[in-house]
């Protein structure tokens, strides 16, 4: 019995060492690191299911079985330094090798510092519990600190040599990110094609201008003589090719200003909103109304861009044209779900009541949702521009022309899905000065580029003098 007690006392310090290091690591291993422009949080937990967890609040979590040791590695995306990210994105493009070298160096520094912290926690945890157990012998304390550090070193070494990155091929998803397999697949396809598509779209836009110039001698399909030419874009959905397309059209045609009827982004996050920096490159007035996929972060970012104007019901005068509009009903939230039909119908009725008592009414009224646009009283506004459906169209009813630009971003990464992706589309609106000194819409060109950037078509609708009927729509393949 005495021998048993003696042996137990001899081995208790070893138990205290292991309990102490497990306690300290599980409680205090959480550490923030900066990886380029991203703030990440690393945490290691002993005694849990062997897995690697990557958390992306508030989107969700990715889990992969990457090792057999009972250790859980947690990585959480905490924040992104947007100022630093802008510097990286809009600086002269580094080579892929330089980018990977920078990421590799930052990652090695982060892992090394984290490992040193874990070694320190192992030693401190062992010393703390030995001291708590009233063990004051300096040799035993020193022995416990060394044993704690060696144990952690053994765990980290085993984790390193047994870690299997192929575990990420079999992922588990939680939260919104459950759609990730579909989204990531589309994203990789899109990234592989974006640069090539951008070049193709720009080339086709140049070709379109050349064709129209050559056709001027053949009649109405040539360039329309207009006093003001407006470009209408919509539903860009994070696709940078849309801005390549718009920029080339602006460079090739005498465009005076741009109207964007919303859905620049998909989720309305501050990171997505950085794509609006491309608006500054257009160097002409850019009028915008929000869509259901936009958010307060998008509007805040737009307010910092010199040539961008967010349209509300307050009228804006652009080159003599009076333009008004309203943002989407859900753009003050971060939910992309559109407003209900009943809400849209009620809002359309409210707009009709308000603007029927205003004289004179604006020349152009901008909205995002087609249901709201179609709910505006025919004859109330000369022109209503909108988007949302991703389908280009022009219709006239009761003296009002309803113009839908379709999707200038080909519906974003979703445009890369399927055998027949949506075309990139936009509209050119030609205004002429009438005898009374006002501007009237003469024609609308719908420009469509196929999703793979291989061909374009032009659809012209004449508006002036009642020519906006089916028999007066002309097509240029």
Protein backbone atom coordinates (compact mmCIF):
# COMPACT_ATOMS: atom_id res chain seq x y z
CA UNK A 1 0.00 0.00 0.00
CA UNK A 2 2.79 2.39 0.94
CA UNK A 3 4.57 1.51 -2.31
CA UNK A 4 1.40 2.31 -4.29
CA UNK A 5 1.05 5.69 -2.60
CA UNK A 6 4.72 6.39 -3.22
CA UNK A 7 4.38 5.50 -6.93
CA UNK A 8 1.25 7.62 -7.24
CA UNK A 9 2.98 10.67 -5.78
CA UNK A 10 5.86 10.08 -8.15
CA UNK A 11 3.61 10.03 -11.23
CA UNK A 12 1.18 12.77 -10.20
CA UNK A 13 3.53 15.58 -11.38
CA UNK A 14 3.54 14.00 -14.84
CA UNK A 15 -0.27 14.08 -14.87
CA UNK A 16 -0.22 17.71 -13.72
CA UNK A 17 2.12 18.57 -16.59
CA UNK A 18 -0.23 17.08 -19.20
CA UNK A 19 -3.38 18.54 -17.67
CA UNK A 20 -1.74 21.96 -17.36
CA UNK A 21 -0.54 22.12 -20.96
CA UNK A 22 -3.91 20.93 -22.29
CA UNK A 23 -5.71 23.52 -20.16
CA UNK A 24 -3.48 26.44 -21.19
CA UNK A 25 -3.42 25.59 -24.89
CA UNK A 26 -7.19 25.12 -25.09
CA UNK A 27 -7.82 28.36 -23.19
CA UNK A 28 -5.13 30.68 -24.52
CA UNK A 29 -3.97 29.49 -27.95
CA UNK A 30 -6.28 31.89 -29.81
CA UNK A 31 -4.08 34.36 -31.69
CA UNK A 32 -4.69 36.99 -34.38
CA UNK A 33 -2.30 37.24 -37.32
CA UNK A 34 -2.24 39.36 -40.47
CA UNK A 35 -1.88 37.42 -43.71
CA UNK A 36 -1.31 40.12 -46.35
CA UNK A 37 -4.53 42.21 -46.12
CA UNK A 38 -6.52 39.59 -44.17
CA UNK A 39 -6.74 39.35 -40.38
CA UNK A 40 -7.03 35.69 -39.40
CA UNK A 41 -7.44 34.03 -36.02
CA UNK A 42 -5.69 30.72 -35.30
CA UNK A 43 -6.60 28.33 -32.50
CA UNK A 44 -5.46 24.82 -31.59
CA UNK A 45 -7.55 22.63 -29.27
CA UNK A 46 -6.30 19.35 -27.80
CA UNK A 47 -8.59 16.38 -27.19
CA UNK A 48 -11.14 17.18 -29.91
CA UNK A 49 -12.20 15.46 -33.12
CA UNK A 50 -9.23 15.48 -35.54
CA UNK A 51 -10.17 18.09 -38.13
CA UNK A 52 -9.39 21.50 -39.61
CA UNK A 53 -12.13 24.13 -39.40
CA UNK A 54 -12.20 27.32 -41.45
CA UNK A 55 -14.78 29.82 -40.24
CA UNK A 56 -16.06 32.69 -42.43
CA UNK A 57 -18.50 34.70 -40.28
CA UNK A 58 -21.35 35.27 -40.98
CA UNK A 59 -21.32 33.02 -44.05
CA UNK A 60 -20.58 29.74 -42.34
CA UNK A 61 -17.91 27.13 -41.73
CA UNK A 62 -15.85 24.60 -43.70
CA UNK A 63 -14.60 21.43 -42.00
CA UNK A 64 -12.14 18.85 -43.34
CA UNK A 65 -10.60 15.70 -41.84
CA UNK A 66 -6.90 16.33 -42.45
CA UNK A 67 -5.09 14.33 -39.72
CA UNK A 68 -5.58 11.51 -37.20
CA UNK A 69 -4.24 13.15 -34.03
CA UNK A 70 -7.05 14.24 -31.61
CA UNK A 71 -6.41 17.92 -32.30
CA UNK A 72 -8.74 20.52 -33.80
CA UNK A 73 -7.23 23.36 -35.82
CA UNK A 74 -9.47 26.41 -36.19
CA UNK A 75 -8.87 29.28 -38.60
CA UNK A 76 -11.31 32.20 -38.61
CA UNK A 77 -11.40 35.12 -41.00
CA UNK A 78 -11.76 38.14 -38.72
CA UNK A 79 -11.44 41.17 -41.00
CA UNK A 80 -9.97 42.51 -44.22
CA UNK A 81 -7.94 45.70 -44.44
CA UNK A 82 -9.74 47.23 -47.43
CA UNK A 83 -7.27 50.11 -47.79
CA UNK A 84 -4.38 47.64 -48.03
CA UNK A 85 -6.40 45.39 -50.34
CA UNK A 86 -7.13 48.31 -52.66
CA UNK A 87 -3.41 49.01 -52.81
CA UNK A 88 -2.74 45.42 -53.85
CA UNK A 89 -5.61 45.15 -56.34
CA UNK A 90 -5.10 48.47 -58.11
CA UNK A 91 -1.30 48.63 -58.06
CA UNK A 92 0.70 47.41 -61.07
CA UNK A 93 -0.15 43.72 -61.26
CA UNK A 94 2.55 41.48 -59.73
CA UNK A 95 3.30 38.11 -61.27
CA UNK A 96 1.59 35.01 -59.93
CA UNK A 97 4.93 33.81 -58.60
CA UNK A 98 5.44 37.04 -56.63
CA UNK A 99 1.97 36.78 -55.12
CA UNK A 100 2.48 33.17 -54.04
CA UNK A 101 5.92 34.02 -52.62
CA UNK A 102 4.38 36.81 -50.52
CA UNK A 103 1.60 34.51 -49.28
CA UNK A 104 4.08 31.72 -48.53
CA UNK A 105 6.39 34.00 -46.54
CA UNK A 106 3.53 35.47 -44.51
CA UNK A 107 2.09 32.00 -43.85
CA UNK A 108 5.48 30.64 -42.70
CA UNK A 109 5.92 33.58 -40.35
CA UNK A 110 2.41 33.10 -38.97
CA UNK A 111 2.86 29.34 -38.38
CA UNK A 112 6.28 29.81 -36.78
CA UNK A 113 5.05 32.43 -34.33
CA UNK A 114 2.00 30.31 -33.50
CA UNK A 115 4.19 27.25 -32.83
CA UNK A 116 6.43 29.28 -30.50
CA UNK A 117 3.38 30.49 -28.59
CA UNK A 118 2.10 26.92 -28.22
CA UNK A 119 5.48 25.78 -26.86
CA UNK A 120 5.41 28.61 -24.34
CA UNK A 121 1.84 27.76 -23.34
CA UNK A 122 2.82 24.10 -22.84
CA UNK A 123 5.62 25.10 -20.46
CA UNK A 124 3.56 27.70 -18.59
CA UNK A 125 0.59 25.35 -18.24
CA UNK A 126 2.80 22.62 -16.77
CA UNK A 127 4.49 25.03 -14.33
CA UNK A 128 1.16 26.56 -13.30
CA UNK A 129 -0.49 23.25 -12.40
CA UNK A 130 2.62 21.97 -10.60
CA UNK A 131 2.70 25.15 -8.55
CA UNK A 132 -1.03 24.83 -7.91
CA UNK A 133 -0.41 21.29 -6.64
CA UNK A 134 2.03 22.75 -4.10
CA UNK A 135 5.10 21.43 -5.86
CA UNK A 136 7.83 23.99 -5.18
CA UNK A 137 10.99 22.03 -5.95
CA UNK A 138 12.92 24.06 -8.58
CA UNK A 139 14.19 20.93 -10.30
CA UNK A 140 10.69 19.50 -10.59
CA UNK A 141 9.36 22.85 -11.83
CA UNK A 142 12.12 23.04 -14.46
CA UNK A 143 11.58 19.40 -15.38
CA UNK A 144 7.85 20.04 -15.77
CA UNK A 145 8.43 23.10 -18.03
CA UNK A 146 10.77 21.11 -20.29
CA UNK A 147 8.41 18.12 -20.40
CA UNK A 148 5.48 20.41 -21.28
CA UNK A 149 7.41 22.01 -24.14
CA UNK A 150 8.65 18.64 -25.44
CA UNK A 151 5.11 17.23 -25.36
CA UNK A 152 3.79 20.17 -27.39
CA UNK A 153 6.73 19.81 -29.80
CA UNK A 154 5.89 16.14 -30.24
CA UNK A 155 2.22 16.98 -30.92
CA UNK A 156 3.13 19.68 -33.46
CA UNK A 157 5.70 17.47 -35.18
CA UNK A 158 3.24 14.58 -35.45
CA UNK A 159 0.55 16.96 -36.72
CA UNK A 160 2.92 18.38 -39.33
CA UNK A 161 4.07 15.02 -40.71
CA UNK A 162 0.61 13.44 -40.64
CA UNK A 163 -1.28 16.43 -42.08
CA UNK A 164 -3.06 15.51 -45.31
CA UNK A 165 -4.18 18.50 -47.44
CA UNK A 166 -6.17 16.17 -49.70
CA UNK A 167 -8.72 16.09 -46.87
CA UNK A 168 -10.02 19.36 -48.28
CA UNK A 169 -11.35 17.43 -51.24
CA UNK A 170 -14.01 16.03 -48.87
CA UNK A 171 -15.46 19.08 -47.16
CA UNK A 172 -18.37 19.55 -44.77
CA UNK A 173 -20.27 22.85 -44.91
CA UNK A 174 -22.41 24.69 -42.39
CA UNK A 175 -24.44 27.87 -42.82
CA UNK A 176 -24.93 29.89 -46.00
CA UNK A 177 -21.69 28.47 -47.32
CA UNK A 178 -23.45 25.14 -47.91
CA UNK A 179 -23.81 26.45 -51.46
CA UNK A 180 -20.02 26.67 -51.70
CA UNK A 181 -19.40 23.56 -53.84
CA UNK A 182 -21.57 25.04 -56.60
CA UNK A 183 -20.27 28.58 -56.13
CA UNK A 184 -16.60 27.60 -55.96
CA UNK A 185 -16.90 25.45 -59.05
CA UNK A 186 -18.41 28.36 -60.97
CA UNK A 187 -15.85 30.77 -59.55
CA UNK A 188 -12.89 28.67 -60.70
CA UNK A 189 -14.42 28.39 -64.17
CA UNK A 190 -15.03 32.14 -64.22
CA UNK A 191 -11.52 33.06 -63.07
CA UNK A 192 -10.03 30.90 -65.79
CA UNK A 193 -11.99 32.84 -68.43
CA UNK A 194 -12.32 36.41 -67.14
CA UNK A 195 -9.14 37.83 -68.69
CA UNK A 196 -9.78 36.23 -72.06
CA UNK A 197 -13.45 37.28 -71.99
CA UNK A 198 -12.53 40.86 -71.16
CA UNK A 199 -10.25 41.08 -74.18
CA UNK A 200 -12.87 39.52 -76.45
CA UNK A 201 -15.65 41.82 -75.26
CA UNK A 202 -13.49 44.91 -75.76
CA UNK A 203 -12.58 43.77 -79.28
CA UNK A 204 -16.22 43.15 -80.15
CA UNK A 205 -17.24 46.57 -78.84
CA UNK A 206 -14.63 48.17 -81.11
CA UNK A 207 -15.85 46.07 -84.03
CA UNK A 208 -19.43 47.17 -83.36
CA UNK A 209 -18.49 50.84 -83.68
CA UNK A 210 -16.60 50.18 -86.92
CA UNK A 211 -19.56 48.28 -88.39
CA UNK A 212 -21.98 51.08 -87.53
CA UNK A 213 -19.68 53.65 -89.11
CA UNK A 214 -19.50 51.58 -92.29
CA UNK A 215 -23.29 51.23 -92.36
CA UNK A 216 -24.01 54.95 -92.05
CA UNK A 217 -24.33 55.23 -95.82
CA UNK A 218 -26.89 52.42 -95.85
CA UNK A 219 -29.56 54.17 -93.77
CA UNK A 220 -30.95 54.00 -90.25
CA UNK A 221 -28.71 51.20 -89.01
CA UNK A 222 -25.73 53.53 -88.92
CA UNK A 223 -24.86 55.81 -86.02
CA UNK A 224 -27.83 57.91 -84.94
CA UNK A 225 -27.32 61.66 -84.92
CA UNK A 226 -28.14 62.59 -81.34
CA UNK A 227 -27.59 65.56 -79.07
CA UNK A 228 -27.16 63.33 -76.01
CA UNK A 229 -26.11 59.67 -75.89
CA UNK A 230 -26.69 57.79 -72.63
CA UNK A 231 -25.39 54.33 -71.73
CA UNK A 232 -27.70 52.13 -69.64
CA UNK A 233 -26.13 49.23 -67.71
CA UNK A 234 -27.61 46.94 -65.07
CA UNK A 235 -27.05 43.77 -63.04
CA UNK A 236 -23.25 43.67 -63.16
CA UNK A 237 -23.12 41.13 -60.30
CA UNK A 238 -19.41 41.42 -59.47
CA UNK A 239 -18.27 40.68 -63.02
CA UNK A 240 -15.27 42.90 -63.89
CA UNK A 241 -15.73 42.13 -67.59
CA UNK A 242 -18.84 44.35 -67.46
CA UNK A 243 -16.66 47.39 -66.84
CA UNK A 244 -14.30 46.39 -69.66
CA UNK A 245 -17.37 46.22 -71.91
CA UNK A 246 -18.74 49.59 -70.73
CA UNK A 247 -15.34 51.29 -70.96
CA UNK A 248 -14.81 50.18 -74.54
CA UNK A 249 -18.30 51.32 -75.55
CA UNK A 250 -17.67 54.71 -73.91
CA UNK A 251 -14.30 55.00 -75.66
CA UNK A 252 -15.82 54.06 -79.03
CA UNK A 253 -19.14 55.93 -78.91
CA UNK A 254 -19.75 59.57 -77.89
CA UNK A 255 -21.41 58.55 -74.61
CA UNK A 256 -22.27 61.49 -72.33
CA UNK A 257 -23.26 59.69 -69.12
CA UNK A 258 -24.08 56.26 -67.69
CA UNK A 259 -27.22 55.04 -65.91
CA UNK A 260 -26.86 51.92 -63.73
CA UNK A 261 -30.08 50.35 -62.44
CA UNK A 262 -28.55 48.27 -59.69
CA UNK A 263 -27.16 44.92 -58.56
CA UNK A 264 -23.49 45.83 -58.85
CA UNK A 265 -22.77 43.10 -56.27
CA UNK A 266 -24.20 39.73 -55.19
CA UNK A 267 -24.20 39.95 -51.38
CA UNK A 268 -23.55 43.64 -50.80
CA UNK A 269 -20.43 43.08 -48.69
CA UNK A 270 -17.81 45.81 -48.29
CA UNK A 271 -15.27 43.62 -50.09
CA UNK A 272 -17.55 43.19 -53.12
CA UNK A 273 -18.19 46.94 -53.15
CA UNK A 274 -14.54 47.47 -54.11
CA UNK A 275 -15.46 46.63 -57.70
CA UNK A 276 -17.11 50.06 -57.88
CA UNK A 277 -13.62 51.58 -58.05
CA UNK A 278 -13.77 50.72 -61.75
CA UNK A 279 -16.44 53.43 -62.15
CA UNK A 280 -13.79 56.10 -61.73
CA UNK A 281 -12.04 54.80 -64.86
CA UNK A 282 -15.09 55.68 -66.98
CA UNK A 283 -14.51 59.42 -66.35
CA UNK A 284 -18.10 60.49 -67.15
CA UNK A 285 -21.14 60.96 -64.85
CA UNK A 286 -22.37 57.63 -63.49
CA UNK A 287 -25.92 57.67 -62.11
CA UNK A 288 -26.94 54.74 -59.90
CA UNK A 289 -30.00 53.30 -58.19
CA UNK A 290 -29.57 50.32 -55.89
CA UNK A 291 -30.81 46.80 -56.57
CA UNK A 292 -31.85 44.05 -54.17
CA UNK A 293 -28.29 42.61 -54.23
CA UNK A 294 -26.75 45.91 -53.14
CA UNK A 295 -26.47 47.24 -49.56
CA UNK A 296 -25.54 50.27 -47.43
CA UNK A 297 -21.86 49.29 -47.84
CA UNK A 298 -22.19 49.55 -51.63
CA UNK A 299 -23.86 52.96 -51.41
CA UNK A 300 -21.23 54.17 -48.93
CA UNK A 301 -18.45 53.11 -51.30
CA UNK A 302 -20.15 54.80 -54.25
CA UNK A 303 -20.32 58.06 -52.30
CA UNK A 304 -16.51 58.19 -52.33
CA UNK A 305 -16.29 58.01 -56.14
CA UNK A 306 -16.09 61.44 -57.73
CA UNK A 307 -18.12 60.79 -60.88
CA UNK A 308 -20.78 58.56 -59.22
CA UNK A 309 -24.20 59.93 -58.20
CA UNK A 310 -26.66 57.85 -56.18
CA UNK A 311 -30.14 58.75 -57.41
CA UNK A 312 -33.06 59.19 -55.02
CA UNK A 313 -36.40 60.88 -55.64
CA UNK A 314 -34.56 64.20 -55.74
CA UNK A 315 -34.14 65.18 -59.35
CA UNK A 316 -30.71 65.42 -61.02
CA UNK A 317 -30.01 67.56 -64.08
CA UNK A 318 -27.53 66.03 -66.53
CA UNK A 319 -26.83 68.02 -69.72
CA UNK A 320 -30.37 69.39 -69.63
CA UNK A 321 -32.07 66.02 -68.97
CA UNK A 322 -33.98 65.76 -65.71
CA UNK A 323 -33.43 62.37 -64.07
CA UNK A 324 -34.97 60.92 -60.91
CA UNK A 325 -35.40 57.46 -59.45
CA UNK A 326 -35.51 55.34 -56.34
CA UNK A 327 -33.40 52.58 -54.83
CA UNK A 328 -34.64 49.08 -54.21
CA UNK A 329 -36.85 48.49 -51.17
CA UNK A 330 -34.44 45.94 -49.64
CA UNK A 331 -31.16 47.76 -50.38
CA UNK A 332 -31.00 49.05 -46.79
CA UNK A 333 -30.39 45.47 -45.60
CA UNK A 334 -27.88 42.72 -46.39
CA UNK A 335 -30.49 40.25 -47.65
CA UNK A 336 -30.70 39.76 -51.40
CA UNK A 337 -34.30 38.47 -51.31
CA UNK A 338 -36.44 40.86 -53.40
CA UNK A 339 -39.37 42.71 -51.89
CA UNK A 340 -42.73 40.96 -52.21
CA UNK A 341 -45.10 41.74 -55.06
CA UNK A 342 -47.53 43.37 -52.64
CA UNK A 343 -44.79 45.66 -51.28
CA UNK A 344 -43.66 46.58 -54.80
CA UNK A 345 -47.22 47.27 -55.96
CA UNK A 346 -47.89 49.45 -52.91
CA UNK A 347 -44.68 51.38 -53.51
CA UNK A 348 -45.53 51.86 -57.20
CA UNK A 349 -48.89 53.31 -56.16
CA UNK A 350 -47.12 55.66 -53.74
CA UNK A 351 -44.74 56.83 -56.48
CA UNK A 352 -47.62 57.37 -58.89
CA UNK A 353 -49.44 59.56 -56.35
CA UNK A 354 -46.33 61.61 -55.60
CA UNK A 355 -45.13 62.24 -59.14
CA UNK A 356 -48.60 62.92 -60.56
CA UNK A 357 -48.54 66.12 -58.49
CA UNK A 358 -45.11 67.25 -59.71
CA UNK A 359 -44.68 69.56 -62.68
CA UNK A 360 -42.77 69.07 -64.82
CA UNK A 361 -42.05 65.38 -64.33
CA UNK A 362 -38.51 64.04 -64.93
CA UNK A 363 -37.46 63.01 -68.43
CA UNK A 364 -36.11 59.69 -67.07
CA UNK A 365 -37.08 57.64 -64.02
CA UNK A 366 -34.67 54.96 -62.78
CA UNK A 367 -35.66 51.86 -60.75
CA UNK A 368 -34.25 48.35 -60.40
CA UNK A 369 -37.13 45.91 -60.13
CA UNK A 370 -39.22 45.23 -63.23
CA UNK A 371 -42.39 44.85 -61.15
CA UNK A 372 -41.96 48.36 -59.79
CA UNK A 373 -41.17 49.74 -63.26
CA UNK A 374 -44.26 48.13 -64.77
CA UNK A 375 -46.38 49.47 -61.90
CA UNK A 376 -45.61 53.08 -62.80
CA UNK A 377 -48.55 54.70 -64.59
CA UNK A 378 -48.12 54.78 -68.39
CA UNK A 379 -47.66 58.35 -69.55
CA UNK A 380 -46.38 59.55 -66.17
CA UNK A 381 -42.71 59.56 -67.29
CA UNK A 382 -41.44 59.68 -70.88
CA UNK A 383 -38.84 56.99 -70.09
CA UNK A 384 -38.46 54.39 -67.32
CA UNK A 385 -35.19 52.41 -67.17
CA UNK A 386 -34.77 49.27 -65.05
CA UNK A 387 -33.17 45.80 -64.82
CA UNK A 388 -33.48 42.79 -62.46
CA UNK A 389 -34.79 40.20 -64.96
CA UNK A 390 -31.45 39.86 -66.85
CA UNK A 391 -33.44 40.03 -70.09
CA UNK A 392 -33.07 42.99 -72.44
CA UNK A 393 -36.31 44.59 -73.63
CA UNK A 394 -37.92 47.82 -74.85
CA UNK A 395 -41.67 48.44 -74.71
CA UNK A 396 -43.94 51.45 -75.03
CA UNK A 397 -47.30 51.95 -73.39
CA UNK A 398 -49.37 55.09 -73.18
CA UNK A 399 -46.51 57.44 -74.02
CA UNK A 400 -43.95 55.84 -71.70
CA UNK A 401 -40.98 53.83 -72.97
CA UNK A 402 -39.93 51.03 -70.56
CA UNK A 403 -36.30 50.02 -71.20
CA UNK A 404 -34.57 47.03 -69.54
CA UNK A 405 -30.78 46.81 -70.05
CA UNK A 406 -30.69 43.08 -69.24
CA UNK A 407 -27.44 42.10 -67.48
CA UNK A 408 -24.21 43.89 -68.34
CA UNK A 409 -22.31 41.40 -66.18
CA UNK A 410 -23.93 38.31 -67.77
CA UNK A 411 -25.46 37.56 -64.32
CA UNK A 412 -22.02 37.29 -62.70
CA UNK A 413 -20.39 33.89 -62.17
CA UNK A 414 -23.77 32.31 -62.86
CA UNK A 415 -23.32 33.47 -66.46
CA UNK A 416 -20.59 30.86 -66.86
CA UNK A 417 -23.00 28.05 -66.02
CA UNK A 418 -24.74 25.99 -68.68
CA UNK A 419 -24.29 25.53 -72.38
CA UNK A 420 -26.04 28.78 -73.31
CA UNK A 421 -24.93 31.46 -70.84
CA UNK A 422 -26.71 34.79 -70.74
CA UNK A 423 -25.22 37.47 -73.01
CA UNK A 424 -23.55 40.61 -71.75
CA UNK A 425 -26.06 43.33 -72.61
CA UNK A 426 -26.44 47.10 -72.35
CA UNK A 427 -28.40 49.86 -74.03
CA UNK A 428 -27.45 53.04 -75.85
CA UNK A 429 -30.17 55.70 -75.67
CA UNK A 430 -30.20 58.50 -78.24
CA UNK A 431 -31.83 61.84 -77.32
CA UNK A 432 -32.41 64.79 -79.65
CA UNK A 433 -33.35 68.37 -78.88
CA UNK A 434 -36.90 69.18 -80.02
CA UNK A 435 -38.29 72.50 -81.22
CA UNK A 436 -39.48 73.41 -77.74
CA UNK A 437 -36.00 73.11 -76.26
CA UNK A 438 -36.57 69.80 -74.52
CA UNK A 439 -34.99 66.42 -75.17
CA UNK A 440 -36.89 63.48 -76.63
CA UNK A 441 -35.80 59.88 -76.99
CA UNK A 442 -35.22 58.93 -80.62
CA UNK A 443 -33.87 55.38 -80.52
CA UNK A 444 -32.50 52.67 -78.24
CA UNK A 445 -29.75 50.27 -79.26
CA UNK A 446 -29.50 46.97 -77.42
CA UNK A 447 -25.93 45.63 -77.65
CA UNK A 448 -25.50 41.95 -76.81
CA UNK A 449 -22.23 40.00 -76.56
CA UNK A 450 -22.43 36.24 -76.09
CA UNK A 451 -21.21 34.84 -72.78
CA UNK A 452 -18.05 33.44 -74.37
CA UNK A 453 -17.29 36.71 -76.11
CA UNK A 454 -17.40 35.29 -79.63
CA UNK A 455 -20.03 37.45 -81.33
CA UNK A 456 -22.27 40.48 -80.89
CA UNK A 457 -25.66 41.62 -82.09
CA UNK A 458 -27.36 44.99 -82.18
CA UNK A 459 -31.09 45.48 -81.75
CA UNK A 460 -32.30 48.99 -82.55
CA UNK A 461 -35.72 50.24 -81.51
CA UNK A 462 -36.93 53.55 -82.94
CA UNK A 463 -38.97 55.61 -80.53
CA UNK A 464 -39.60 58.99 -82.09
CA UNK A 465 -42.72 59.56 -84.19
CA UNK A 466 -44.37 56.33 -83.08
CA UNK A 467 -41.79 54.09 -84.70
CA UNK A 468 -41.27 51.91 -81.62
CA UNK A 469 -43.39 49.03 -82.89
CA UNK A 470 -42.34 45.50 -83.78
CA UNK A 471 -42.04 46.33 -87.47
CA UNK A 472 -39.64 49.15 -86.60
CA UNK A 473 -37.15 47.02 -84.66
CA UNK A 474 -34.07 46.31 -86.76
CA UNK A 475 -31.43 43.71 -86.03
CA UNK A 476 -27.75 43.69 -86.83
CA UNK A 477 -26.22 40.20 -86.33
